[in-house]
């Protein structure tokens, strides 16, 4: 039968939420922020996963400190 079983669907949904979460987490860790913003974004992404990475991509990326050109 063609189609997804419940396990395959759960695995697909898990991957679709894990990958952006991981990208957001790595971006927060690698970036510089002003004050405690890095800690706040890190805690938000880790403890409120889906809402955290959605909010980070919508709001947090614009709060990163700009690096001086080399």
PDB file of N, CA and C in Angstrom:
ATOM      1  N   UNK A   1       0.846  -1.179   0.000  1.00  0.00           N
ATOM      2  CA  UNK A   1       0.000   0.000   0.000  1.00  0.00           C
ATOM      3  C   UNK A   1       0.890   1.241   0.000  1.00  0.00           C
ATOM      4  N   UNK A   2       0.564   2.188  -0.831  1.00  0.00           N
ATOM      5  CA  UNK A   2       1.337   3.422  -0.921  1.00  0.00           C
ATOM      6  C   UNK A   2       0.788   4.403   0.102  1.00  0.00           C
ATOM      7  N   UNK A   3       1.701   5.044   0.816  1.00  0.00           N
ATOM      8  CA  UNK A   3       1.296   6.018   1.820  1.00  0.00           C
ATOM      9  C   UNK A   3       2.216   5.926   3.020  1.00  0.00           C
ATOM     10  N   UNK A   4       1.962   6.765   3.965  1.00  0.00           N
ATOM     11  CA  UNK A   4       2.784   6.806   5.164  1.00  0.00           C
ATOM     12  C   UNK A   4       2.096   6.064   6.290  1.00  0.00           C
ATOM     13  N   UNK A   5       2.884   5.280   7.010  1.00  0.00           N
ATOM     14  CA  UNK A   5       2.352   4.707   8.241  1.00  0.00           C
ATOM     15  C   UNK A   5       2.463   5.775   9.319  1.00  0.00           C
ATOM     16  N   UNK A   6       1.860   5.525  10.439  1.00  0.00           N
ATOM     17  CA  UNK A   6       1.875   6.496  11.532  1.00  0.00           C
ATOM     18  C   UNK A   6       3.296   6.730  12.039  1.00  0.00           C
ATOM     19  N   UNK A   7       4.110   5.692  12.073  1.00  0.00           N
ATOM     20  CA  UNK A   7       5.500   5.821  12.537  1.00  0.00           C
ATOM     21  C   UNK A   7       6.311   6.665  11.559  1.00  0.00           C
ATOM     22  N   UNK A   8       6.141   6.432  10.276  1.00  0.00           N
ATOM     23  CA  UNK A   8       6.865   7.217   9.273  1.00  0.00           C
ATOM     24  C   UNK A   8       6.452   8.678   9.312  1.00  0.00           C
ATOM     25  N   UNK A   9       5.169   8.927   9.513  1.00  0.00           N
ATOM     26  CA  UNK A   9       4.679  10.295   9.598  1.00  0.00           C
ATOM     27  C   UNK A   9       5.244  10.996  10.828  1.00  0.00           C
ATOM     28  N   UNK A  10       5.299  10.303  11.956  1.00  0.00           N
ATOM     29  CA  UNK A  10       5.869  10.870  13.179  1.00  0.00           C
ATOM     30  C   UNK A  10       7.349  11.165  12.987  1.00  0.00           C
ATOM     31  N   UNK A  11       8.070  10.270  12.338  1.00  0.00           N
ATOM     32  CA  UNK A  11       9.495  10.482  12.070  1.00  0.00           C
ATOM     33  C   UNK A  11       9.697  11.691  11.156  1.00  0.00           C
ATOM     34  N   UNK A  12       8.886  11.822  10.143  1.00  0.00           N
ATOM     35  CA  UNK A  12       8.993  12.955   9.227  1.00  0.00           C
ATOM     36  C   UNK A  12       8.714  14.271   9.948  1.00  0.00           C
ATOM     37  N   UNK A  13       7.674  14.303  10.756  1.00  0.00           N
ATOM     38  CA  UNK A  13       7.366  15.521  11.509  1.00  0.00           C
ATOM     39  C   UNK A  13       8.464  15.842  12.515  1.00  0.00           C
ATOM     40  N   UNK A  14       9.045  14.821  13.120  1.00  0.00           N
ATOM     41  CA  UNK A  14      10.148  15.046  14.058  1.00  0.00           C
ATOM     42  C   UNK A  14      11.350  15.662  13.362  1.00  0.00           C
ATOM     43  N   UNK A  15      11.681  15.163  12.196  1.00  0.00           N
ATOM     44  CA  UNK A  15      12.803  15.716  11.437  1.00  0.00           C
ATOM     45  C   UNK A  15      12.519  17.144  10.974  1.00  0.00           C
ATOM     46  N   UNK A  16      11.273  17.406  10.594  1.00  0.00           N
ATOM     47  CA  UNK A  16      10.925  18.748  10.131  1.00  0.00           C
ATOM     48  C   UNK A  16      10.953  19.776  11.252  1.00  0.00           C
ATOM     49  N   UNK A  17      10.867  19.338  12.492  1.00  0.00           N
ATOM     50  CA  UNK A  17      10.995  20.274  13.607  1.00  0.00           C
ATOM     51  C   UNK A  17      12.393  20.267  14.206  1.00  0.00           C
ATOM     52  N   UNK A  18      13.116  19.147  14.090  1.00  0.00           N
ATOM     53  CA  UNK A  18      14.454  19.058  14.669  1.00  0.00           C
ATOM     54  C   UNK A  18      15.484  19.864  13.876  1.00  0.00           C
ATOM     55  N   UNK A  19      15.409  19.810  12.575  1.00  0.00           N
ATOM     56  CA  UNK A  19      16.418  20.477  11.736  1.00  0.00           C
ATOM     57  C   UNK A  19      16.416  21.995  11.935  1.00  0.00           C
ATOM     58  N   UNK A  20      15.269  22.684  11.871  1.00  0.00           N
ATOM     59  CA  UNK A  20      15.301  24.134  12.135  1.00  0.00           C
ATOM     60  C   UNK A  20      15.711  24.458  13.569  1.00  0.00           C
ATOM     61  N   UNK A  21      15.340  23.592  14.526  1.00  0.00           N
ATOM     62  CA  UNK A  21      15.748  23.784  15.915  1.00  0.00           C
ATOM     63  C   UNK A  21      17.270  23.742  16.025  1.00  0.00           C
ATOM     64  N   UNK A  22      17.886  22.754  15.385  1.00  0.00           N
ATOM     65  CA  UNK A  22      19.338  22.620  15.422  1.00  0.00           C
ATOM     66  C   UNK A  22      20.024  23.798  14.745  1.00  0.00           C
ATOM     67  N   UNK A  23      19.500  24.251  13.626  1.00  0.00           N
ATOM     68  CA  UNK A  23      20.070  25.405  12.920  1.00  0.00           C
ATOM     69  C   UNK A  23      19.978  26.652  13.794  1.00  0.00           C
ATOM     70  N   UNK A  24      18.829  26.855  14.436  1.00  0.00           N
ATOM     71  CA  UNK A  24      18.667  28.017  15.318  1.00  0.00           C
ATOM     72  C   UNK A  24      19.617  27.940  16.504  1.00  0.00           C
ATOM     73  N   UNK A  25      19.738  26.769  17.112  1.00  0.00           N
ATOM     74  CA  UNK A  25      20.629  26.585  18.253  1.00  0.00           C
ATOM     75  C   UNK A  25      22.079  26.879  17.874  1.00  0.00           C
ATOM     76  N   UNK A  26      22.534  26.350  16.758  1.00  0.00           N
ATOM     77  CA  UNK A  26      23.905  26.597  16.315  1.00  0.00           C
ATOM     78  C   UNK A  26      24.123  28.070  15.965  1.00  0.00           C
ATOM     79  N   UNK A  27      23.122  28.697  15.371  1.00  0.00           N
ATOM     80  CA  UNK A  27      23.247  30.119  15.019  1.00  0.00           C
ATOM     81  C   UNK A  27      23.336  30.986  16.274  1.00  0.00           C
ATOM     82  N   UNK A  28      22.558  30.663  17.285  1.00  0.00           N
ATOM     83  CA  UNK A  28      22.632  31.413  18.545  1.00  0.00           C
ATOM     84  C   UNK A  28      24.012  31.235  19.168  1.00  0.00           C
ATOM     85  N   UNK A  29      24.515  30.018  19.195  1.00  0.00           N
ATOM     86  CA  UNK A  29      25.809  29.751  19.831  1.00  0.00           C
ATOM     87  C   UNK A  29      26.969  30.418  19.096  1.00  0.00           C
ATOM     88  N   UNK A  30      26.887  30.527  17.786  1.00  0.00           N
ATOM     89  CA  UNK A  30      27.982  31.096  16.991  1.00  0.00           C
ATOM     90  C   UNK A  30      27.934  32.611  16.882  1.00  0.00           C
ATOM     91  N   UNK A  31      26.814  33.219  17.201  1.00  0.00           N
ATOM     92  CA  UNK A  31      26.633  34.658  16.997  1.00  0.00           C
ATOM     93  C   UNK A  31      26.907  35.448  18.267  1.00  0.00           C
ATOM     94  N   UNK A  32      27.128  36.737  18.062  1.00  0.00           N
ATOM     95  CA  UNK A  32      27.319  37.655  19.186  1.00  0.00           C
ATOM     96  C   UNK A  32      26.078  38.525  19.313  1.00  0.00           C
ATOM     97  N   UNK A  33      25.660  38.722  20.563  1.00  0.00           N
ATOM     98  CA  UNK A  33      24.490  39.539  20.864  1.00  0.00           C
ATOM     99  C   UNK A  33      24.879  40.577  21.896  1.00  0.00           C
ATOM    100  N   UNK A  34      24.043  41.564  22.072  1.00  0.00           N
ATOM    101  CA  UNK A  34      24.259  42.576  23.105  1.00  0.00           C
ATOM    102  C   UNK A  34      23.712  42.082  24.436  1.00  0.00           C
ATOM    103  N   UNK A  35      24.447  42.340  25.504  1.00  0.00           N
ATOM    104  CA  UNK A  35      23.984  42.028  26.855  1.00  0.00           C
ATOM    105  C   UNK A  35      23.650  40.562  27.052  1.00  0.00           C
ATOM    106  N   UNK A  36      22.486  40.309  27.647  1.00  0.00           N
ATOM    107  CA  UNK A  36      22.052  38.948  27.936  1.00  0.00           C
ATOM    108  C   UNK A  36      21.195  38.344  26.838  1.00  0.00           C
ATOM    109  N   UNK A  37      21.137  38.983  25.688  1.00  0.00           N
ATOM    110  CA  UNK A  37      20.286  38.490  24.613  1.00  0.00           C
ATOM    111  C   UNK A  37      20.654  37.073  24.186  1.00  0.00           C
ATOM    112  N   UNK A  38      21.932  36.748  24.162  1.00  0.00           N
ATOM    113  CA  UNK A  38      22.350  35.406  23.753  1.00  0.00           C
ATOM    114  C   UNK A  38      21.806  34.358  24.717  1.00  0.00           C
ATOM    115  N   UNK A  39      21.914  34.620  26.004  1.00  0.00           N
ATOM    116  CA  UNK A  39      21.405  33.686  27.005  1.00  0.00           C
ATOM    117  C   UNK A  39      19.891  33.533  26.896  1.00  0.00           C
ATOM    118  N   UNK A  40      19.201  34.625  26.687  1.00  0.00           N
ATOM    119  CA  UNK A  40      17.746  34.574  26.567  1.00  0.00           C
ATOM    120  C   UNK A  40      17.326  33.765  25.340  1.00  0.00           C
ATOM    121  N   UNK A  41      17.985  34.001  24.199  1.00  0.00           N
ATOM    122  CA  UNK A  41      17.650  33.243  22.998  1.00  0.00           C
ATOM    123  C   UNK A  41      18.020  31.775  23.154  1.00  0.00           C
ATOM    124  N   UNK A  42      19.127  31.494  23.782  1.00  0.00           N
ATOM    125  CA  UNK A  42      19.543  30.111  23.993  1.00  0.00           C
ATOM    126  C   UNK A  42      18.516  29.369  24.849  1.00  0.00           C
ATOM    127  N   UNK A  43      18.097  29.975  25.949  1.00  0.00           N
ATOM    128  CA  UNK A  43      17.096  29.350  26.814  1.00  0.00           C
ATOM    129  C   UNK A  43      15.753  29.199  26.098  1.00  0.00           C
ATOM    130  N   UNK A  44      15.386  30.187  25.307  1.00  0.00           N
ATOM    131  CA  UNK A  44      14.121  30.117  24.577  1.00  0.00           C
ATOM    132  C   UNK A  44      14.137  28.990  23.551  1.00  0.00           C
ATOM    133  N   UNK A  45      15.208  28.883  22.788  1.00  0.00           N
ATOM    134  CA  UNK A  45      15.295  27.850  21.758  1.00  0.00           C
ATOM    135  C   UNK A  45      15.355  26.456  22.386  1.00  0.00           C
ATOM    136  N   UNK A  46      16.053  26.313  23.508  1.00  0.00           N
ATOM    137  CA  UNK A  46      16.201  25.001  24.130  1.00  0.00           C
ATOM    138  C   UNK A  46      14.933  24.561  24.860  1.00  0.00           C
ATOM    139  N   UNK A  47      14.317  25.450  25.638  1.00  0.00           N
ATOM    140  CA  UNK A  47      13.215  25.042  26.498  1.00  0.00           C
ATOM    141  C   UNK A  47      11.824  25.203  25.888  1.00  0.00           C
ATOM    142  N   UNK A  48      11.706  25.978  24.826  1.00  0.00           N
ATOM    143  CA  UNK A  48      10.430  26.124  24.115  1.00  0.00           C
ATOM    144  C   UNK A  48      10.732  25.885  22.637  1.00  0.00           C
ATOM    145  N   UNK A  49      11.005  24.635  22.261  1.00  0.00           N
ATOM    146  CA  UNK A  49      11.608  24.350  20.963  1.00  0.00           C
ATOM    147  C   UNK A  49      10.924  24.943  19.737  1.00  0.00           C
ATOM    148  N   UNK A  50       9.716  24.588  19.436  1.00  0.00           N
ATOM    149  CA  UNK A  50       9.112  25.043  18.181  1.00  0.00           C
ATOM    150  C   UNK A  50       8.857  26.548  18.211  1.00  0.00           C
ATOM    151  N   UNK A  51       8.249  27.027  19.280  1.00  0.00           N
ATOM    152  CA  UNK A  51       8.004  28.468  19.401  1.00  0.00           C
ATOM    153  C   UNK A  51       9.332  29.217  19.454  1.00  0.00           C
ATOM    154  N   UNK A  52      10.329  28.636  20.104  1.00  0.00           N
ATOM    155  CA  UNK A  52      11.631  29.272  20.241  1.00  0.00           C
ATOM    156  C   UNK A  52      12.332  29.491  18.919  1.00  0.00           C
ATOM    157  N   UNK A  53      12.420  28.449  18.091  1.00  0.00           N
ATOM    158  CA  UNK A  53      13.124  28.646  16.823  1.00  0.00           C
ATOM    159  C   UNK A  53      12.317  29.486  15.846  1.00  0.00           C
ATOM    160  N   UNK A  54      10.993  29.414  15.896  1.00  0.00           N
ATOM    161  CA  UNK A  54      10.189  30.279  15.032  1.00  0.00           C
ATOM    162  C   UNK A  54      10.406  31.745  15.426  1.00  0.00           C
ATOM    163  N   UNK A  55      10.369  32.028  16.732  1.00  0.00           N
ATOM    164  CA  UNK A  55      10.588  33.397  17.211  1.00  0.00           C
ATOM    165  C   UNK A  55      12.001  33.863  16.903  1.00  0.00           C
ATOM    166  N   UNK A  56      12.978  32.967  17.045  1.00  0.00           N
ATOM    167  CA  UNK A  56      14.360  33.350  16.761  1.00  0.00           C
ATOM    168  C   UNK A  56      14.534  33.740  15.299  1.00  0.00           C
ATOM    169  N   UNK A  57      13.977  32.936  14.385  1.00  0.00           N
ATOM    170  CA  UNK A  57      14.113  33.262  12.967  1.00  0.00           C
ATOM    171  C   UNK A  57      13.323  34.517  12.599  1.00  0.00           C
ATOM    172  N   UNK A  58      12.219  34.775  13.306  1.00  0.00           N
ATOM    173  CA  UNK A  58      11.403  35.948  13.006  1.00  0.00           C
ATOM    174  C   UNK A  58      11.971  37.221  13.635  1.00  0.00           C
ATOM    175  N   UNK A  59      12.531  37.115  14.854  1.00  0.00           N
ATOM    176  CA  UNK A  59      12.942  38.306  15.608  1.00  0.00           C
ATOM    177  C   UNK A  59      14.439  38.312  15.934  1.00  0.00           C
ATOM    178  N   UNK A  60      14.929  37.195  16.418  1.00  0.00           N
ATOM    179  CA  UNK A  60      16.270  37.128  16.996  1.00  0.00           C
ATOM    180  C   UNK A  60      17.421  37.368  16.049  1.00  0.00           C
ATOM    181  N   UNK A  61      17.290  36.934  14.817  1.00  0.00           N
ATOM    182  CA  UNK A  61      18.410  37.101  13.884  1.00  0.00           C
ATOM    183  C   UNK A  61      18.718  38.570  13.619  1.00  0.00           C
ATOM    184  N   UNK A  62      17.712  39.423  13.714  1.00  0.00           N
ATOM    185  CA  UNK A  62      17.953  40.853  13.495  1.00  0.00           C
ATOM    186  C   UNK A  62      18.606  41.512  14.708  1.00  0.00           C
ATOM    187  N   UNK A  63      18.642  40.819  15.853  1.00  0.00           N
ATOM    188  CA  UNK A  63      19.243  41.368  17.063  1.00  0.00           C
ATOM    189  C   UNK A  63      20.731  41.039  17.179  1.00  0.00           C
ATOM    190  N   UNK A  64      21.253  40.259  16.251  1.00  0.00           N
ATOM    191  CA  UNK A  64      22.666  39.911  16.325  1.00  0.00           C
ATOM    192  C   UNK A  64      23.542  41.142  16.149  1.00  0.00           C
ATOM    193  N   UNK A  65      24.661  41.138  16.838  1.00  0.00           N
ATOM    194  CA  UNK A  65      25.625  42.232  16.726  1.00  0.00           C
ATOM    195  C   UNK A  65      26.334  42.098  15.385  1.00  0.00           C
ATOM    196  N   UNK A  66      26.441  43.179  14.678  1.00  0.00           N
ATOM    197  CA  UNK A  66      27.108  43.185  13.371  1.00  0.00           C
ATOM    198  C   UNK A  66      28.608  43.097  13.563  1.00  0.00           C
ATOM    199  N   UNK A  67      29.246  42.260  12.770  1.00  0.00           N
ATOM    200  CA  UNK A  67      30.694  42.131  12.842  1.00  0.00           C
ATOM    201  C   UNK A  67      31.348  43.171  11.946  1.00  0.00           C
ATOM    202  N   UNK A  68      32.486  43.679  12.403  1.00  0.00           N
ATOM    203  CA  UNK A  68      33.239  44.666  11.611  1.00  0.00           C
ATOM    204  C   UNK A  68      33.882  43.949  10.431  1.00  0.00           C
ATOM    205  N   UNK A  69      33.893  44.565   9.259  1.00  0.00           N
ATOM    206  CA  UNK A  69      34.542  43.939   8.105  1.00  0.00           C
ATOM    207  C   UNK A  69      36.040  43.749   8.339  1.00  0.00           C
ATOM    208  N   UNK A  70      36.568  42.642   7.863  1.00  0.00           N
ATOM    209  CA  UNK A  70      38.005  42.349   8.069  1.00  0.00           C
ATOM    210  C   UNK A  70      38.864  43.003   7.020  1.00  0.00           C
TER     211      UNK A  70
END
